[in-house]
Amino acid sequence: MPGDNLLDQPEILLPTEPEVLAALSRTARAEIAVVAAAHPTSSLAWAELADIAHADGRTIESYAFARVGYHRGLDALRKAGWRGHGRIPWSHEPNQGVLRALYALRRAAGEIGETDEVTRLTTFLNDSDATAIGRIESEHTTTQVITIRGEE
């Protein structure tokens, strides 16, 4: 609406997904697809799959998993009141699945040369939380996809 101050928009805080976190923590890396199948609306589960595929050198699969996580994330954000703008803070743990899916899609898009998407997703991530890209790169590596999951 004209006159609305977009800077006054509330932060988006997604609900927790305790059942997804529990399933990921007890599931071996090779079986994460089972978690995504059981929780298909979870961006976190799809981001996990995208990171695993990326770590294994399967860029196209990583892109596809991240694309699903991105769309599921948009659904969750809209349900939480997001209207296409506003902060989505990394510090709120339930938001991390969406931000990781965005990052994974950005990473895979870059690897296949989809530069317009990389630019768009970089803007989206930075507008959501300027620390998100750095936090994801420092906390989620190719050898440790997610800190809550147990080892194989």
C-alpha atoms as a PDB file:
ATOM      1  CA  MET A   1       0.000   0.000   0.000  1.00  0.00           C
ATOM      2  CA  PRO A   2       1.327   3.482  -0.754  1.00  0.00           C
ATOM      3  CA  GLY A   3       2.900   5.124   2.225  1.00  0.00           C
ATOM      4  CA  ASP A   4       3.789   1.880   4.000  1.00  0.00           C
ATOM      5  CA  ASN A   5       7.334   1.864   5.312  1.00  0.00           C
ATOM      6  CA  LEU A   6       8.810  -1.417   4.122  1.00  0.00           C
ATOM      7  CA  LEU A   7      11.620  -1.085   6.676  1.00  0.00           C
ATOM      8  CA  ASP A   8       9.044  -1.471   9.444  1.00  0.00           C
ATOM      9  CA  GLN A   9       8.060  -4.935   8.240  1.00  0.00           C
ATOM     10  CA  PRO A  10       8.344  -7.539  11.006  1.00  0.00           C
ATOM     11  CA  GLU A  11      10.979 -10.250  10.783  1.00  0.00           C
ATOM     12  CA  ILE A  12       9.680 -13.564   9.518  1.00  0.00           C
ATOM     13  CA  LEU A  13      10.062 -16.318  12.087  1.00  0.00           C
ATOM     14  CA  LEU A  14       9.109 -19.737  10.779  1.00  0.00           C
ATOM     15  CA  PRO A  15       7.787 -22.407  13.152  1.00  0.00           C
ATOM     16  CA  THR A  16      10.079 -25.100  14.435  1.00  0.00           C
ATOM     17  CA  GLU A  17      10.153 -28.546  12.837  1.00  0.00           C
ATOM     18  CA  PRO A  18      11.054 -30.813  15.762  1.00  0.00           C
ATOM     19  CA  GLU A  19      10.042 -33.981  13.912  1.00  0.00           C
ATOM     20  CA  VAL A  20      12.299 -33.098  10.952  1.00  0.00           C
ATOM     21  CA  LEU A  21      15.225 -32.232  13.228  1.00  0.00           C
ATOM     22  CA  ALA A  22      14.759 -35.493  15.109  1.00  0.00           C
ATOM     23  CA  ALA A  23      14.564 -37.517  11.896  1.00  0.00           C
ATOM     24  CA  LEU A  24      17.677 -35.854  10.471  1.00  0.00           C
ATOM     25  CA  SER A  25      19.604 -36.411  13.698  1.00  0.00           C
ATOM     26  CA  ARG A  26      19.009 -40.158  13.596  1.00  0.00           C
ATOM     27  CA  THR A  27      19.259 -40.739   9.843  1.00  0.00           C
ATOM     28  CA  ALA A  28      22.409 -41.730   7.993  1.00  0.00           C
ATOM     29  CA  ARG A  29      23.562 -39.498   5.158  1.00  0.00           C
ATOM     30  CA  ALA A  30      22.602 -42.054   2.514  1.00  0.00           C
ATOM     31  CA  GLU A  31      19.020 -42.179   3.817  1.00  0.00           C
ATOM     32  CA  ILE A  32      18.173 -38.455   4.015  1.00  0.00           C
ATOM     33  CA  ALA A  33      15.818 -38.842   1.025  1.00  0.00           C
ATOM     34  CA  VAL A  34      13.565 -40.856   3.330  1.00  0.00           C
ATOM     35  CA  VAL A  35      13.298 -37.813   5.611  1.00  0.00           C
ATOM     36  CA  ALA A  36      12.420 -35.538   2.675  1.00  0.00           C
ATOM     37  CA  ALA A  37       9.782 -38.029   1.519  1.00  0.00           C
ATOM     38  CA  ALA A  38       8.288 -38.172   5.005  1.00  0.00           C
ATOM     39  CA  HIS A  39       8.413 -34.353   5.377  1.00  0.00           C
ATOM     40  CA  PRO A  40       8.035 -32.997   1.830  1.00  0.00           C
ATOM     41  CA  THR A  41       7.163 -29.464   2.966  1.00  0.00           C
ATOM     42  CA  SER A  42      10.430 -29.080   4.901  1.00  0.00           C
ATOM     43  CA  SER A  43      12.976 -26.810   3.221  1.00  0.00           C
ATOM     44  CA  LEU A  44      15.553 -28.128   5.668  1.00  0.00           C
ATOM     45  CA  ALA A  45      15.175 -31.712   4.430  1.00  0.00           C
ATOM     46  CA  TRP A  46      15.491 -30.580   0.792  1.00  0.00           C
ATOM     47  CA  ALA A  47      18.481 -28.374   1.626  1.00  0.00           C
ATOM     48  CA  GLU A  48      20.125 -31.402   3.221  1.00  0.00           C
ATOM     49  CA  LEU A  49      19.566 -33.429   0.062  1.00  0.00           C
ATOM     50  CA  ALA A  50      20.926 -30.561  -2.063  1.00  0.00           C
ATOM     51  CA  ASP A  51      24.058 -30.312   0.089  1.00  0.00           C
ATOM     52  CA  ILE A  52      24.658 -34.053  -0.013  1.00  0.00           C
ATOM     53  CA  ALA A  53      24.244 -34.171  -3.794  1.00  0.00           C
ATOM     54  CA  HIS A  54      26.590 -31.205  -4.142  1.00  0.00           C
ATOM     55  CA  ALA A  55      29.194 -32.808  -1.892  1.00  0.00           C
ATOM     56  CA  ASP A  56      28.994 -35.915  -4.080  1.00  0.00           C
ATOM     57  CA  GLY A  57      29.515 -33.866  -7.258  1.00  0.00           C
ATOM     58  CA  ARG A  58      25.930 -34.290  -8.490  1.00  0.00           C
ATOM     59  CA  THR A  59      25.254 -30.670  -9.461  1.00  0.00           C
ATOM     60  CA  ILE A  60      22.020 -31.198 -11.384  1.00  0.00           C
ATOM     61  CA  GLU A  61      20.505 -33.258  -8.570  1.00  0.00           C
ATOM     62  CA  SER A  62      21.641 -30.623  -6.089  1.00  0.00           C
ATOM     63  CA  TYR A  63      19.949 -27.965  -8.222  1.00  0.00           C
ATOM     64  CA  ALA A  64      16.720 -29.967  -8.368  1.00  0.00           C
ATOM     65  CA  PHE A  65      16.627 -30.664  -4.617  1.00  0.00           C
ATOM     66  CA  ALA A  66      17.418 -27.016  -3.859  1.00  0.00           C
ATOM     67  CA  ARG A  67      14.679 -25.859  -6.261  1.00  0.00           C
ATOM     68  CA  VAL A  68      12.121 -27.934  -4.346  1.00  0.00           C
ATOM     69  CA  GLY A  69      13.428 -26.562  -1.029  1.00  0.00           C
ATOM     70  CA  TYR A  70      13.215 -23.031  -2.416  1.00  0.00           C
ATOM     71  CA  HIS A  71       9.578 -23.436  -3.466  1.00  0.00           C
ATOM     72  CA  ARG A  72       8.611 -25.154  -0.215  1.00  0.00           C
ATOM     73  CA  GLY A  73      10.377 -22.314   1.581  1.00  0.00           C
ATOM     74  CA  LEU A  74       8.393 -19.679  -0.307  1.00  0.00           C
ATOM     75  CA  ASP A  75       5.205 -21.509   0.705  1.00  0.00           C
ATOM     76  CA  ALA A  76       6.267 -21.534   4.365  1.00  0.00           C
ATOM     77  CA  LEU A  77       7.322 -17.884   4.295  1.00  0.00           C
ATOM     78  CA  ARG A  78       4.023 -16.786   2.774  1.00  0.00           C
ATOM     79  CA  LYS A  79       2.113 -18.825   5.347  1.00  0.00           C
ATOM     80  CA  ALA A  80       4.114 -17.008   8.053  1.00  0.00           C
ATOM     81  CA  GLY A  81       3.090 -13.614   6.658  1.00  0.00           C
ATOM     82  CA  TRP A  82       5.927 -12.812   4.275  1.00  0.00           C
ATOM     83  CA  ARG A  83       4.821 -10.742   1.301  1.00  0.00           C
ATOM     84  CA  GLY A  84       7.933 -10.868  -0.857  1.00  0.00           C
ATOM     85  CA  HIS A  85      10.093  -8.657   1.314  1.00  0.00           C
ATOM     86  CA  GLY A  86      11.341  -8.391   4.845  1.00  0.00           C
ATOM     87  CA  ARG A  87      14.016  -9.916   7.002  1.00  0.00           C
ATOM     88  CA  ILE A  88      14.308 -13.663   7.413  1.00  0.00           C
ATOM     89  CA  PRO A  89      16.963 -13.832  10.131  1.00  0.00           C
ATOM     90  CA  TRP A  90      19.482 -16.666  10.120  1.00  0.00           C
ATOM     91  CA  SER A  91      19.654 -16.439  13.923  1.00  0.00           C
ATOM     92  CA  HIS A  92      16.138 -17.925  14.126  1.00  0.00           C
ATOM     93  CA  GLU A  93      17.012 -21.598  13.619  1.00  0.00           C
ATOM     94  CA  PRO A  94      13.757 -22.618  11.874  1.00  0.00           C
ATOM     95  CA  ASN A  95      14.565 -20.075   9.120  1.00  0.00           C
ATOM     96  CA  GLN A  96      17.844 -21.796   8.329  1.00  0.00           C
ATOM     97  CA  GLY A  97      16.317 -24.506   6.134  1.00  0.00           C
ATOM     98  CA  VAL A  98      14.840 -21.921   3.763  1.00  0.00           C
ATOM     99  CA  LEU A  99      18.023 -19.861   3.685  1.00  0.00           C
ATOM    100  CA  ARG A 100      20.132 -22.978   3.087  1.00  0.00           C
ATOM    101  CA  ALA A 101      17.841 -24.020   0.222  1.00  0.00           C
ATOM    102  CA  LEU A 102      18.224 -20.540  -1.312  1.00  0.00           C
ATOM    103  CA  TYR A 103      21.984 -20.790  -0.921  1.00  0.00           C
ATOM    104  CA  ALA A 104      22.117 -24.298  -2.403  1.00  0.00           C
ATOM    105  CA  LEU A 105      20.063 -23.174  -5.392  1.00  0.00           C
ATOM    106  CA  ARG A 106      22.359 -20.163  -5.834  1.00  0.00           C
ATOM    107  CA  ARG A 107      25.447 -22.385  -5.654  1.00  0.00           C
ATOM    108  CA  ALA A 108      24.134 -24.914  -8.180  1.00  0.00           C
ATOM    109  CA  ALA A 109      22.867 -22.176 -10.494  1.00  0.00           C
ATOM    110  CA  GLY A 110      26.358 -20.713 -10.516  1.00  0.00           C
ATOM    111  CA  GLU A 111      27.864 -24.076 -11.353  1.00  0.00           C
ATOM    112  CA  ILE A 112      25.610 -24.501 -14.386  1.00  0.00           C
ATOM    113  CA  GLY A 113      26.125 -20.922 -15.559  1.00  0.00           C
ATOM    114  CA  GLU A 114      22.702 -19.518 -14.676  1.00  0.00           C
ATOM    115  CA  THR A 115      24.084 -16.086 -13.768  1.00  0.00           C
ATOM    116  CA  ASP A 116      20.774 -14.200 -13.623  1.00  0.00           C
ATOM    117  CA  GLU A 117      19.520 -16.643 -11.002  1.00  0.00           C
ATOM    118  CA  VAL A 118      22.746 -16.306  -9.013  1.00  0.00           C
ATOM    119  CA  THR A 119      22.308 -12.526  -8.958  1.00  0.00           C
ATOM    120  CA  ARG A 120      18.636 -12.769  -7.970  1.00  0.00           C
ATOM    121  CA  LEU A 121      19.299 -15.295  -5.208  1.00  0.00           C
ATOM    122  CA  THR A 122      22.277 -13.336  -3.879  1.00  0.00           C
ATOM    123  CA  THR A 123      19.999 -10.306  -3.550  1.00  0.00           C
ATOM    124  CA  PHE A 124      17.273 -12.422  -1.934  1.00  0.00           C
ATOM    125  CA  LEU A 125      19.715 -13.862   0.614  1.00  0.00           C
ATOM    126  CA  ASN A 126      21.316 -10.503   1.408  1.00  0.00           C
ATOM    127  CA  ASP A 127      17.930  -8.812   1.756  1.00  0.00           C
ATOM    128  CA  SER A 128      16.778 -11.642   4.042  1.00  0.00           C
ATOM    129  CA  ASP A 129      19.839 -11.537   6.280  1.00  0.00           C
ATOM    130  CA  ALA A 130      23.131  -9.962   5.271  1.00  0.00           C
ATOM    131  CA  THR A 131      24.990 -12.566   7.362  1.00  0.00           C
ATOM    132  CA  ALA A 132      23.303 -15.642   5.821  1.00  0.00           C
ATOM    133  CA  ILE A 133      25.768 -16.360   3.002  1.00  0.00           C
ATOM    134  CA  GLY A 134      28.795 -16.084   5.280  1.00  0.00           C
ATOM    135  CA  ARG A 135      27.159 -18.130   8.022  1.00  0.00           C
ATOM    136  CA  ILE A 136      26.184 -20.903   5.629  1.00  0.00           C
ATOM    137  CA  GLU A 137      29.656 -20.989   4.111  1.00  0.00           C
ATOM    138  CA  SER A 138      31.310 -21.157   7.532  1.00  0.00           C
ATOM    139  CA  GLU A 139      28.878 -23.560   9.230  1.00  0.00           C
ATOM    140  CA  HIS A 140      27.924 -25.963   6.449  1.00  0.00           C
ATOM    141  CA  THR A 141      30.795 -27.511   4.576  1.00  0.00           C
ATOM    142  CA  THR A 142      30.941 -30.366   2.109  1.00  0.00           C
ATOM    143  CA  THR A 143      32.179 -32.690   4.853  1.00  0.00           C
ATOM    144  CA  GLN A 144      29.668 -31.661   7.503  1.00  0.00           C
ATOM    145  CA  VAL A 145      26.317 -30.959   5.925  1.00  0.00           C
ATOM    146  CA  ILE A 146      24.347 -30.317   9.097  1.00  0.00           C
ATOM    147  CA  THR A 147      25.513 -30.247  12.676  1.00  0.00           C
ATOM    148  CA  ILE A 148      22.471 -31.933  14.220  1.00  0.00           C
ATOM    149  CA  ARG A 149      22.664 -35.157  12.239  1.00  0.00           C
ATOM    150  CA  GLY A 150      24.485 -38.146  13.649  1.00  0.00           C
ATOM    151  CA  GLU A 151      27.301 -39.791  11.748  1.00  0.00           C
ATOM    152  CA  GLU A 152      26.673 -42.714   9.432  1.00  0.00           C
END
